[in-house]
Amino acid sequence: MDATSEVHSGSKKLHDEETAEIPETAHQISTDSWFQVGFVLTTGINSAYVLGYSGNVMIPLGWIGGVIGLILATAISLYANALIAKLHEYGGVRHIRYRDLAGFIYGKKAYSLTWGLQYVNLFMINTGFIILAGQALKAAYVLFKDDHVMKLPHFIAISGFVCAIFAIGIPHLSALRIWLGFSTVFSLIYIVIAFVLSLQDGLQAPARSYDIPGTKISRIFTTIGAAASLVFAFNTGMLPEIQATVRKPVVENMMKALYFQFTAGVLPLYAVCFVGYWAYGNKTSSYLLNNVSGPIWVKAMANIAAFLQTVIALHIFASPMYEYLDTKFGIKGSPLKIQNLTFRITVRGGYLAINTLVSALLPFLGDFMSLTGAISTFPLTFILANHMYLMAKKDKLTSAQKLWHWLNVGFFALLAVAALISALRLIAVDSKTYHVFADL
């Protein structure tokens, strides 16, 4: 346990009402009901990313692969997240950060490696959110004025600015509260509108093709990329950070939140994903609202709702970085203190400015989903989850159970390598097709 003490050295420990130690943090913990945490998780699943799954997942996989893939990804993701949730109070310590858990089990090097993987994962997710927000704003704009004066990079810049204003105003994850209600309403608006208009178009449209496009070689790569997008759809890469906010009993309440996420929470995603592909076949856009026909004001409302929900969802995935910086620099007390407000303006504004620049430079949303799934979601959510559980519970597992976890580790490691190669190929192809600051 020497490595463990190294990881936690310098961190003052707080004791909760039971015996588990809690590392020091500038953010609130153990304050939220499982229902609120369930809505945090569901907000991530039903973000505006759902408007891209018909095009980015179903087209490369087709009906059989897409339906089976989504169901399998749901079940596997629930299983992997449950493994992490059950380790939250492992060894008499509450592991409120993913890297803390990895460091406790493996040592200091694993702590740093996990933090690096998680940082990349969340940075890429946030970049994708800003691209999405920009696409939604542009889609609303061209409904009324398609003059090509305002281009996607302009809307991405506006989106990044709005996200920064929101980040400055919401000090920590638990403070979202009422905003989660707004997020749910916004999600329902664009999901219901996309579903109804797609259904209407599908009923009126002529026969469409569901053939998987591309050559045999390109299909292999796009299929692997779609598999990475599937796991990206259901996994946050920050489960311990979310679990840190839930009230006691922590594991029991987190499991309730996960069951809510992977039952009621996935139904809207399934509905809009399947009906979008059914309505437009292999011509489905990577942003479904670009396909639908209907009253301009209805489509505008859906796009504005997608933009606003994206601003809220991004804050969830940026919160581990905010927590790290706030804790490191001792930002405590009232969020309205001049010192704290200035810190958030400078640091969070700077972080999101970098995100926004990358988003505008490389606005290839599908490629980001695949790359994020490959380099961080697979390792964090599947490889590490199974191996950490194996290490933590090895004395209590049967030989068959140990073999099962090792098979999972090996399988997802191979899939991660294949997905990385596929994602890099997709980015290389798109980089030849589109220039930087492309107006997609």
Protein backbone atom coordinates (compact mmCIF):
# COMPACT_ATOMS: atom_id res chain seq x y z
CA MET A 1 0.00 0.00 0.00
CA ASP A 2 3.04 2.33 -0.20
CA ALA A 3 1.93 3.50 -3.61
CA THR A 4 -1.50 4.23 -2.18
CA SER A 5 -0.11 6.48 0.48
CA GLU A 6 1.94 8.26 -2.20
CA VAL A 7 -1.16 8.92 -4.26
CA HIS A 8 -3.09 10.33 -1.33
CA SER A 9 -0.17 12.10 0.39
CA GLY A 10 -0.81 15.80 0.89
CA SER A 11 -4.58 15.27 0.72
CA LYS A 12 -6.28 15.94 4.04
CA LYS A 13 -8.82 13.23 4.75
CA LEU A 14 -12.33 13.94 5.95
CA HIS A 15 -14.40 11.29 7.71
CA ASP A 16 -18.06 10.87 6.92
CA GLU A 17 -20.68 9.52 9.28
CA GLU A 18 -19.40 5.99 8.77
CA THR A 19 -15.78 4.87 8.49
CA ALA A 20 -14.85 5.51 4.87
CA GLU A 21 -12.31 8.27 4.30
CA ILE A 22 -13.02 11.01 1.77
CA PRO A 23 -10.19 12.87 0.01
CA GLU A 24 -10.37 16.64 0.28
CA THR A 25 -12.35 18.37 -2.47
CA ALA A 26 -13.55 21.90 -3.14
CA HIS A 27 -16.86 20.59 -4.51
CA GLN A 28 -19.93 19.22 -2.73
CA ILE A 29 -20.27 15.47 -2.19
CA SER A 30 -22.97 13.18 -0.77
CA THR A 31 -25.71 15.77 -1.25
CA ASP A 32 -27.81 14.44 -4.15
CA SER A 33 -30.59 11.86 -4.32
CA TRP A 34 -30.20 8.84 -6.59
CA PHE A 35 -32.96 10.31 -8.75
CA GLN A 36 -31.00 13.52 -9.36
CA VAL A 37 -27.88 11.50 -10.15
CA GLY A 38 -29.98 9.34 -12.50
CA PHE A 39 -30.97 12.49 -14.37
CA VAL A 40 -27.32 13.56 -14.59
CA LEU A 41 -26.52 10.22 -16.23
CA THR A 42 -29.59 10.38 -18.48
CA THR A 43 -28.71 13.93 -19.54
CA GLY A 44 -25.42 12.57 -20.84
CA ILE A 45 -27.10 9.76 -22.77
CA ASN A 46 -29.85 11.89 -24.30
CA SER A 47 -27.74 14.90 -25.14
CA ALA A 48 -27.86 16.25 -28.68
CA TYR A 49 -25.40 13.48 -29.59
CA VAL A 50 -28.50 11.25 -30.03
CA LEU A 51 -29.29 13.20 -33.20
CA GLY A 52 -26.15 11.74 -34.77
CA TYR A 53 -26.54 8.03 -34.00
CA SER A 54 -28.90 7.28 -36.91
CA GLY A 55 -26.20 8.42 -39.31
CA ASN A 56 -23.01 7.57 -37.43
CA VAL A 57 -24.04 4.18 -36.01
CA MET A 58 -26.94 2.74 -38.01
CA ILE A 59 -25.62 3.48 -41.53
CA PRO A 60 -22.29 1.62 -41.02
CA LEU A 61 -23.97 -1.30 -39.18
CA GLY A 62 -27.35 -1.64 -40.91
CA TRP A 63 -30.52 -2.85 -39.24
CA ILE A 64 -29.25 -6.14 -37.83
CA GLY A 65 -25.87 -4.88 -36.66
CA GLY A 66 -27.28 -1.59 -35.40
CA VAL A 67 -30.13 -3.05 -33.34
CA ILE A 68 -28.06 -5.89 -31.88
CA GLY A 69 -25.12 -3.53 -31.34
CA LEU A 70 -27.19 -0.99 -29.41
CA ILE A 71 -28.74 -3.64 -27.18
CA LEU A 72 -25.37 -5.29 -26.50
CA ALA A 73 -23.71 -1.92 -25.85
CA THR A 74 -26.46 -1.10 -23.35
CA ALA A 75 -26.06 -4.38 -21.45
CA ILE A 76 -22.26 -4.37 -21.49
CA SER A 77 -22.12 -0.72 -20.42
CA LEU A 78 -24.47 -1.32 -17.49
CA TYR A 79 -22.33 -4.26 -16.39
CA ALA A 80 -19.06 -2.32 -16.64
CA ASN A 81 -20.44 0.72 -14.84
CA ALA A 82 -21.83 -1.49 -12.08
CA LEU A 83 -18.32 -2.91 -11.51
CA ILE A 84 -16.94 0.60 -11.00
CA ALA A 85 -19.87 1.63 -8.80
CA LYS A 86 -19.32 -1.33 -6.47
CA LEU A 87 -15.67 -0.31 -5.92
CA HIS A 88 -16.55 3.22 -4.80
CA GLU A 89 -15.90 2.49 -1.11
CA TYR A 90 -13.18 -0.10 -1.65
CA GLY A 91 -10.47 -0.41 1.04
CA GLY A 92 -12.17 1.87 3.56
CA VAL A 93 -11.84 4.90 1.27
CA ARG A 94 -14.44 6.68 -0.86
CA HIS A 95 -12.86 7.04 -4.28
CA ILE A 96 -14.49 10.23 -5.51
CA ARG A 97 -12.33 10.41 -8.63
CA TYR A 98 -11.62 7.73 -11.23
CA ARG A 99 -7.88 8.31 -10.89
CA ASP A 100 -8.07 7.90 -7.11
CA LEU A 101 -9.53 4.42 -7.52
CA ALA A 102 -6.91 3.41 -10.09
CA GLY A 103 -4.13 4.83 -7.93
CA PHE A 104 -5.39 2.99 -4.84
CA ILE A 105 -5.40 -0.34 -6.67
CA TYR A 106 -2.31 -0.02 -8.88
CA GLY A 107 -0.14 2.80 -7.54
CA LYS A 108 1.02 6.29 -8.51
CA LYS A 109 1.86 5.62 -12.17
CA ALA A 110 -1.62 4.22 -12.82
CA TYR A 111 -3.07 7.28 -11.08
CA SER A 112 -1.30 9.57 -13.56
CA LEU A 113 -2.10 7.38 -16.58
CA THR A 114 -5.79 7.18 -15.66
CA TRP A 115 -5.96 10.94 -15.16
CA GLY A 116 -4.37 11.42 -18.59
CA LEU A 117 -6.86 9.06 -20.26
CA GLN A 118 -9.78 10.68 -18.50
CA TYR A 119 -8.61 14.18 -19.38
CA VAL A 120 -8.37 13.22 -23.07
CA ASN A 121 -11.78 11.53 -22.90
CA LEU A 122 -13.54 14.51 -21.34
CA PHE A 123 -11.73 17.04 -23.53
CA MET A 124 -12.83 15.18 -26.65
CA ILE A 125 -16.41 14.87 -25.39
CA ASN A 126 -16.50 18.59 -24.63
CA THR A 127 -15.08 19.35 -28.07
CA GLY A 128 -17.84 17.27 -29.61
CA PHE A 129 -20.46 19.10 -27.55
CA ILE A 130 -19.27 22.49 -28.81
CA ILE A 131 -19.36 21.18 -32.40
CA LEU A 132 -22.90 19.96 -31.78
CA ALA A 133 -23.97 23.26 -30.29
CA GLY A 134 -22.52 25.09 -33.28
CA GLN A 135 -24.29 22.76 -35.71
CA ALA A 136 -27.60 23.30 -33.90
CA LEU A 137 -27.22 27.09 -33.99
CA LYS A 138 -26.27 27.03 -37.67
CA ALA A 139 -29.22 24.75 -38.50
CA ALA A 140 -31.58 27.23 -36.80
CA TYR A 141 -29.97 30.18 -38.59
CA VAL A 142 -30.20 28.74 -42.12
CA LEU A 143 -33.90 28.05 -41.64
CA PHE A 144 -34.45 31.81 -41.79
CA LYS A 145 -31.43 33.21 -43.61
CA ASP A 146 -29.37 30.86 -45.75
CA ASP A 147 -26.97 33.51 -47.06
CA HIS A 148 -23.70 31.78 -46.14
CA VAL A 149 -22.52 34.90 -44.34
CA MET A 150 -22.46 33.13 -40.99
CA LYS A 151 -20.53 29.85 -41.17
CA LEU A 152 -20.10 26.90 -38.80
CA PRO A 153 -16.90 28.26 -37.16
CA HIS A 154 -18.79 31.44 -36.23
CA PHE A 155 -21.54 29.43 -34.55
CA ILE A 156 -18.97 27.26 -32.79
CA ALA A 157 -17.35 30.43 -31.38
CA ILE A 158 -20.74 31.66 -30.13
CA SER A 159 -21.43 28.24 -28.57
CA GLY A 160 -18.08 28.21 -26.79
CA PHE A 161 -18.77 31.66 -25.34
CA VAL A 162 -22.21 30.64 -24.04
CA CYS A 163 -20.75 27.44 -22.52
CA ALA A 164 -18.12 29.54 -20.75
CA ILE A 165 -20.77 31.88 -19.30
CA PHE A 166 -22.70 28.86 -17.99
CA ALA A 167 -19.54 27.29 -16.52
CA ILE A 168 -18.74 30.49 -14.66
CA GLY A 169 -22.26 30.65 -13.19
CA ILE A 170 -22.51 26.99 -12.02
CA PRO A 171 -19.78 26.32 -9.42
CA HIS A 172 -20.03 22.51 -9.19
CA LEU A 173 -21.93 19.44 -10.40
CA SER A 174 -24.46 19.33 -7.54
CA ALA A 175 -25.42 22.96 -8.24
CA LEU A 176 -27.02 21.96 -11.55
CA ARG A 177 -30.26 20.88 -9.78
CA ILE A 178 -33.01 22.86 -11.57
CA TRP A 179 -30.89 22.94 -14.73
CA LEU A 180 -31.28 19.17 -14.96
CA GLY A 181 -35.02 19.76 -15.21
CA PHE A 182 -34.47 22.26 -18.02
CA SER A 183 -32.11 19.79 -19.68
CA THR A 184 -34.80 17.09 -19.60
CA VAL A 185 -37.35 19.46 -21.14
CA PHE A 186 -34.92 20.53 -23.87
CA SER A 187 -34.07 16.88 -24.60
CA LEU A 188 -37.73 15.96 -24.91
CA ILE A 189 -38.34 18.89 -27.27
CA TYR A 190 -35.72 17.94 -29.86
CA ILE A 191 -36.19 14.18 -29.46
CA VAL A 192 -39.98 14.33 -29.82
CA ILE A 193 -39.76 16.75 -32.76
CA ALA A 194 -37.07 14.68 -34.49
CA PHE A 195 -39.09 11.49 -33.88
CA VAL A 196 -42.42 12.89 -35.09
CA LEU A 197 -41.05 14.66 -38.17
CA SER A 198 -38.90 11.64 -39.12
CA LEU A 199 -41.93 9.36 -38.71
CA GLN A 200 -44.00 11.69 -40.87
CA ASP A 201 -41.30 11.79 -43.56
CA GLY A 202 -40.86 8.03 -43.42
CA LEU A 203 -44.56 7.39 -43.96
CA GLN A 204 -44.66 9.70 -46.96
CA ALA A 205 -41.27 8.96 -48.51
CA PRO A 206 -40.66 6.51 -51.35
CA ALA A 207 -38.65 3.34 -50.78
CA ARG A 208 -35.17 4.06 -49.43
CA SER A 209 -32.02 1.99 -49.33
CA TYR A 210 -30.62 0.44 -46.18
CA ASP A 211 -27.58 -1.00 -47.92
CA ILE A 212 -24.32 -0.33 -46.10
CA PRO A 213 -22.34 2.05 -48.36
CA GLY A 214 -18.67 1.79 -49.30
CA THR A 215 -16.16 -0.79 -50.45
CA LYS A 216 -15.45 -3.93 -48.43
CA ILE A 217 -12.33 -2.36 -46.93
CA SER A 218 -14.03 0.90 -46.02
CA ARG A 219 -16.94 -1.00 -44.49
CA ILE A 220 -14.57 -2.78 -42.12
CA PHE A 221 -13.22 0.53 -40.85
CA THR A 222 -16.61 2.23 -40.60
CA THR A 223 -18.04 -0.78 -38.74
CA ILE A 224 -15.24 -0.64 -36.18
CA GLY A 225 -15.72 3.12 -35.86
CA ALA A 226 -19.44 2.64 -35.31
CA ALA A 227 -18.71 0.13 -32.53
CA ALA A 228 -16.58 2.78 -30.81
CA SER A 229 -19.43 5.27 -31.19
CA LEU A 230 -21.81 2.74 -29.61
CA VAL A 231 -19.83 2.50 -26.38
CA PHE A 232 -19.29 6.25 -26.45
CA ALA A 233 -23.08 6.70 -26.40
CA PHE A 234 -23.54 5.03 -23.01
CA ASN A 235 -20.40 5.81 -21.03
CA THR A 236 -19.16 8.91 -19.28
CA GLY A 237 -15.63 7.97 -18.23
CA MET A 238 -16.35 9.83 -14.97
CA LEU A 239 -18.62 7.52 -12.98
CA PRO A 240 -16.78 7.88 -9.62
CA GLU A 241 -17.00 11.68 -9.92
CA ILE A 242 -20.76 11.45 -10.45
CA GLN A 243 -21.12 8.83 -7.71
CA ALA A 244 -19.32 11.15 -5.30
CA THR A 245 -22.36 13.45 -5.32
CA VAL A 246 -24.89 10.77 -4.32
CA ARG A 247 -26.16 10.38 -0.76
CA LYS A 248 -25.55 7.40 1.51
CA PRO A 249 -25.82 4.46 1.01
CA VAL A 250 -23.59 5.34 -1.92
CA VAL A 251 -23.36 2.02 -3.78
CA GLU A 252 -27.04 1.15 -3.38
CA ASN A 253 -28.19 4.59 -4.54
CA MET A 254 -25.76 4.61 -7.46
CA MET A 255 -27.06 1.26 -8.64
CA LYS A 256 -30.59 2.70 -8.61
CA ALA A 257 -29.35 5.61 -10.73
CA LEU A 258 -27.65 3.23 -13.16
CA TYR A 259 -30.77 1.07 -13.51
CA PHE A 260 -32.76 4.23 -14.23
CA GLN A 261 -30.17 5.33 -16.81
CA PHE A 262 -30.09 2.01 -18.65
CA THR A 263 -33.87 1.40 -18.69
CA ALA A 264 -36.03 4.53 -18.93
CA GLY A 265 -33.01 6.64 -19.80
CA VAL A 266 -32.12 4.79 -23.01
CA LEU A 267 -35.62 4.64 -24.51
CA PRO A 268 -35.52 8.13 -26.09
CA LEU A 269 -32.13 7.34 -27.64
CA TYR A 270 -33.45 4.09 -29.10
CA ALA A 271 -36.58 5.76 -30.45
CA VAL A 272 -34.90 8.62 -32.28
CA CYS A 273 -32.01 6.47 -33.51
CA PHE A 274 -34.19 3.78 -35.07
CA VAL A 275 -36.91 6.00 -36.51
CA GLY A 276 -34.33 8.33 -38.05
CA TYR A 277 -32.63 5.47 -39.88
CA TRP A 278 -35.98 3.96 -40.88
CA ALA A 279 -37.14 7.26 -42.36
CA TYR A 280 -34.05 8.16 -44.41
CA GLY A 281 -32.04 4.95 -44.80
CA ASN A 282 -28.40 5.35 -45.74
CA LYS A 283 -28.99 9.02 -46.59
CA THR A 284 -29.47 9.86 -42.92
CA SER A 285 -27.45 12.89 -41.85
CA SER A 286 -24.98 12.86 -38.97
CA TYR A 287 -27.29 15.55 -37.50
CA LEU A 288 -30.82 14.21 -37.90
CA LEU A 289 -32.55 17.60 -37.79
CA ASN A 290 -30.88 18.39 -41.13
CA ASN A 291 -32.99 15.60 -42.69
CA VAL A 292 -36.43 16.37 -41.35
CA SER A 293 -39.07 18.40 -43.16
CA GLY A 294 -41.85 20.32 -41.43
CA PRO A 295 -42.82 23.78 -40.20
CA ILE A 296 -39.84 26.09 -39.92
CA TRP A 297 -40.75 27.25 -36.42
CA VAL A 298 -40.92 23.65 -35.18
CA LYS A 299 -37.50 22.80 -36.59
CA ALA A 300 -36.09 26.04 -35.20
CA MET A 301 -37.45 25.18 -31.74
CA ALA A 302 -35.82 21.74 -31.92
CA ASN A 303 -32.44 23.19 -32.91
CA ILE A 304 -32.51 25.86 -30.20
CA ALA A 305 -33.47 23.20 -27.62
CA ALA A 306 -30.55 21.04 -28.81
CA PHE A 307 -28.20 24.01 -28.45
CA LEU A 308 -29.38 24.85 -24.92
CA GLN A 309 -29.29 21.22 -23.73
CA THR A 310 -25.76 20.87 -25.08
CA VAL A 311 -24.59 23.81 -22.97
CA ILE A 312 -25.89 22.06 -19.82
CA ALA A 313 -24.56 18.61 -20.80
CA LEU A 314 -21.08 19.94 -21.51
CA HIS A 315 -20.88 21.28 -17.96
CA ILE A 316 -21.33 17.74 -16.60
CA PHE A 317 -18.41 16.37 -18.59
CA ALA A 318 -16.18 19.37 -17.81
CA SER A 319 -16.84 19.15 -14.05
CA PRO A 320 -13.93 16.74 -13.21
CA MET A 321 -11.49 19.27 -14.67
CA TYR A 322 -13.18 22.09 -12.76
CA GLU A 323 -13.08 20.05 -9.53
CA TYR A 324 -9.38 19.33 -10.00
CA LEU A 325 -8.50 22.98 -10.59
CA ASP A 326 -10.77 24.33 -7.83
CA THR A 327 -9.33 21.85 -5.30
CA LYS A 328 -5.72 22.42 -6.39
CA PHE A 329 -5.97 26.18 -6.00
CA GLY A 330 -8.11 26.10 -2.85
CA ILE A 331 -11.24 27.71 -4.29
CA LYS A 332 -13.74 27.52 -1.42
CA GLY A 333 -16.52 29.57 0.10
CA SER A 334 -19.16 31.57 -1.72
CA PRO A 335 -19.13 31.19 -5.51
CA LEU A 336 -19.79 34.94 -5.72
CA LYS A 337 -16.57 35.95 -3.92
CA ILE A 338 -14.53 38.17 -6.25
CA GLN A 339 -11.53 35.82 -5.96
CA ASN A 340 -13.60 32.72 -6.82
CA LEU A 341 -15.49 34.45 -9.61
CA THR A 342 -12.28 35.78 -11.15
CA PHE A 343 -10.71 32.33 -10.96
CA ARG A 344 -13.66 30.70 -12.76
CA ILE A 345 -13.70 33.39 -15.44
CA THR A 346 -9.99 33.00 -16.10
CA VAL A 347 -9.48 29.25 -15.76
CA ARG A 348 -12.79 27.83 -17.01
CA GLY A 349 -12.98 30.47 -19.72
CA GLY A 350 -9.46 29.57 -20.86
CA TYR A 351 -10.18 25.84 -20.85
CA LEU A 352 -13.31 26.25 -22.95
CA ALA A 353 -11.53 28.67 -25.29
CA ILE A 354 -9.08 25.88 -26.15
CA ASN A 355 -12.00 23.45 -26.61
CA THR A 356 -13.71 25.93 -28.91
CA LEU A 357 -10.61 26.47 -31.03
CA VAL A 358 -10.16 22.72 -31.56
CA SER A 359 -13.88 22.37 -32.36
CA ALA A 360 -13.70 25.05 -35.04
CA LEU A 361 -10.46 23.66 -36.49
CA LEU A 362 -11.69 20.07 -36.86
CA PRO A 363 -15.51 19.94 -36.84
CA PHE A 364 -15.78 16.24 -37.79
CA LEU A 365 -18.25 15.05 -35.16
CA GLY A 366 -18.48 11.38 -36.14
CA ASP A 367 -14.70 11.09 -36.16
CA PHE A 368 -14.49 12.58 -32.66
CA MET A 369 -17.00 10.05 -31.36
CA SER A 370 -14.99 7.16 -32.80
CA LEU A 371 -11.64 8.49 -31.62
CA THR A 372 -12.94 9.22 -28.12
CA GLY A 373 -14.39 5.72 -27.86
CA ALA A 374 -11.11 4.20 -29.01
CA ILE A 375 -8.50 6.01 -26.96
CA SER A 376 -10.33 6.57 -23.71
CA THR A 377 -13.86 5.15 -23.39
CA PHE A 378 -12.75 1.56 -24.12
CA PRO A 379 -9.77 1.67 -21.70
CA LEU A 380 -11.57 3.56 -18.91
CA THR A 381 -14.98 1.95 -18.99
CA PHE A 382 -14.25 -1.62 -20.06
CA ILE A 383 -10.57 -2.56 -19.76
CA LEU A 384 -9.88 -0.80 -16.45
CA ALA A 385 -13.31 -1.59 -15.00
CA ASN A 386 -12.87 -5.34 -15.46
CA HIS A 387 -9.21 -5.40 -14.42
CA MET A 388 -9.69 -3.22 -11.33
CA TYR A 389 -12.59 -5.40 -10.21
CA LEU A 390 -10.42 -8.46 -10.83
CA MET A 391 -7.58 -7.02 -8.72
CA ALA A 392 -9.85 -5.81 -5.93
CA LYS A 393 -11.94 -8.98 -5.63
CA LYS A 394 -9.41 -11.62 -6.73
CA ASP A 395 -9.56 -13.50 -3.42
CA LYS A 396 -13.36 -13.73 -3.64
CA LEU A 397 -13.73 -14.68 -7.31
CA THR A 398 -13.95 -18.21 -8.67
CA SER A 399 -11.64 -19.37 -11.47
CA ALA A 400 -14.48 -19.02 -13.96
CA GLN A 401 -15.17 -15.45 -12.83
CA LYS A 402 -11.48 -14.54 -13.11
CA LEU A 403 -11.35 -16.02 -16.61
CA TRP A 404 -14.45 -14.03 -17.58
CA HIS A 405 -12.88 -10.73 -16.51
CA TRP A 406 -9.58 -11.55 -18.25
CA LEU A 407 -11.47 -12.34 -21.47
CA ASN A 408 -13.20 -8.96 -21.21
CA VAL A 409 -9.88 -7.20 -20.71
CA GLY A 410 -8.34 -8.92 -23.74
CA PHE A 411 -11.34 -8.47 -26.01
CA PHE A 412 -11.78 -4.76 -25.31
CA ALA A 413 -8.05 -4.13 -25.59
CA LEU A 414 -8.08 -5.58 -29.13
CA LEU A 415 -11.25 -3.64 -29.96
CA ALA A 416 -9.68 -0.41 -28.68
CA VAL A 417 -6.63 -0.85 -30.94
CA ALA A 418 -8.82 -1.62 -33.95
CA ALA A 419 -11.08 1.36 -33.19
CA LEU A 420 -8.08 3.68 -32.87
CA ILE A 421 -6.77 2.65 -36.29
CA SER A 422 -10.23 3.09 -37.79
CA ALA A 423 -10.77 6.52 -36.21
CA LEU A 424 -7.38 7.81 -37.35
CA ARG A 425 -8.17 6.62 -40.88
CA LEU A 426 -11.53 8.42 -40.82
CA ILE A 427 -9.89 11.64 -39.66
CA ALA A 428 -7.21 11.36 -42.36
CA VAL A 429 -9.88 10.85 -45.05
CA ASP A 430 -12.00 13.74 -43.81
CA SER A 431 -8.96 15.99 -43.47
CA LYS A 432 -8.34 15.54 -47.21
CA THR A 433 -11.97 16.28 -48.01
CA TYR A 434 -12.40 19.27 -45.71
CA HIS A 435 -10.06 22.12 -44.81
CA VAL A 436 -9.59 23.49 -41.29
CA PHE A 437 -12.41 25.74 -40.07
CA ALA A 438 -14.65 23.89 -42.54
CA ASP A 439 -18.24 25.02 -42.93
CA LEU A 440 -19.92 21.60 -42.77
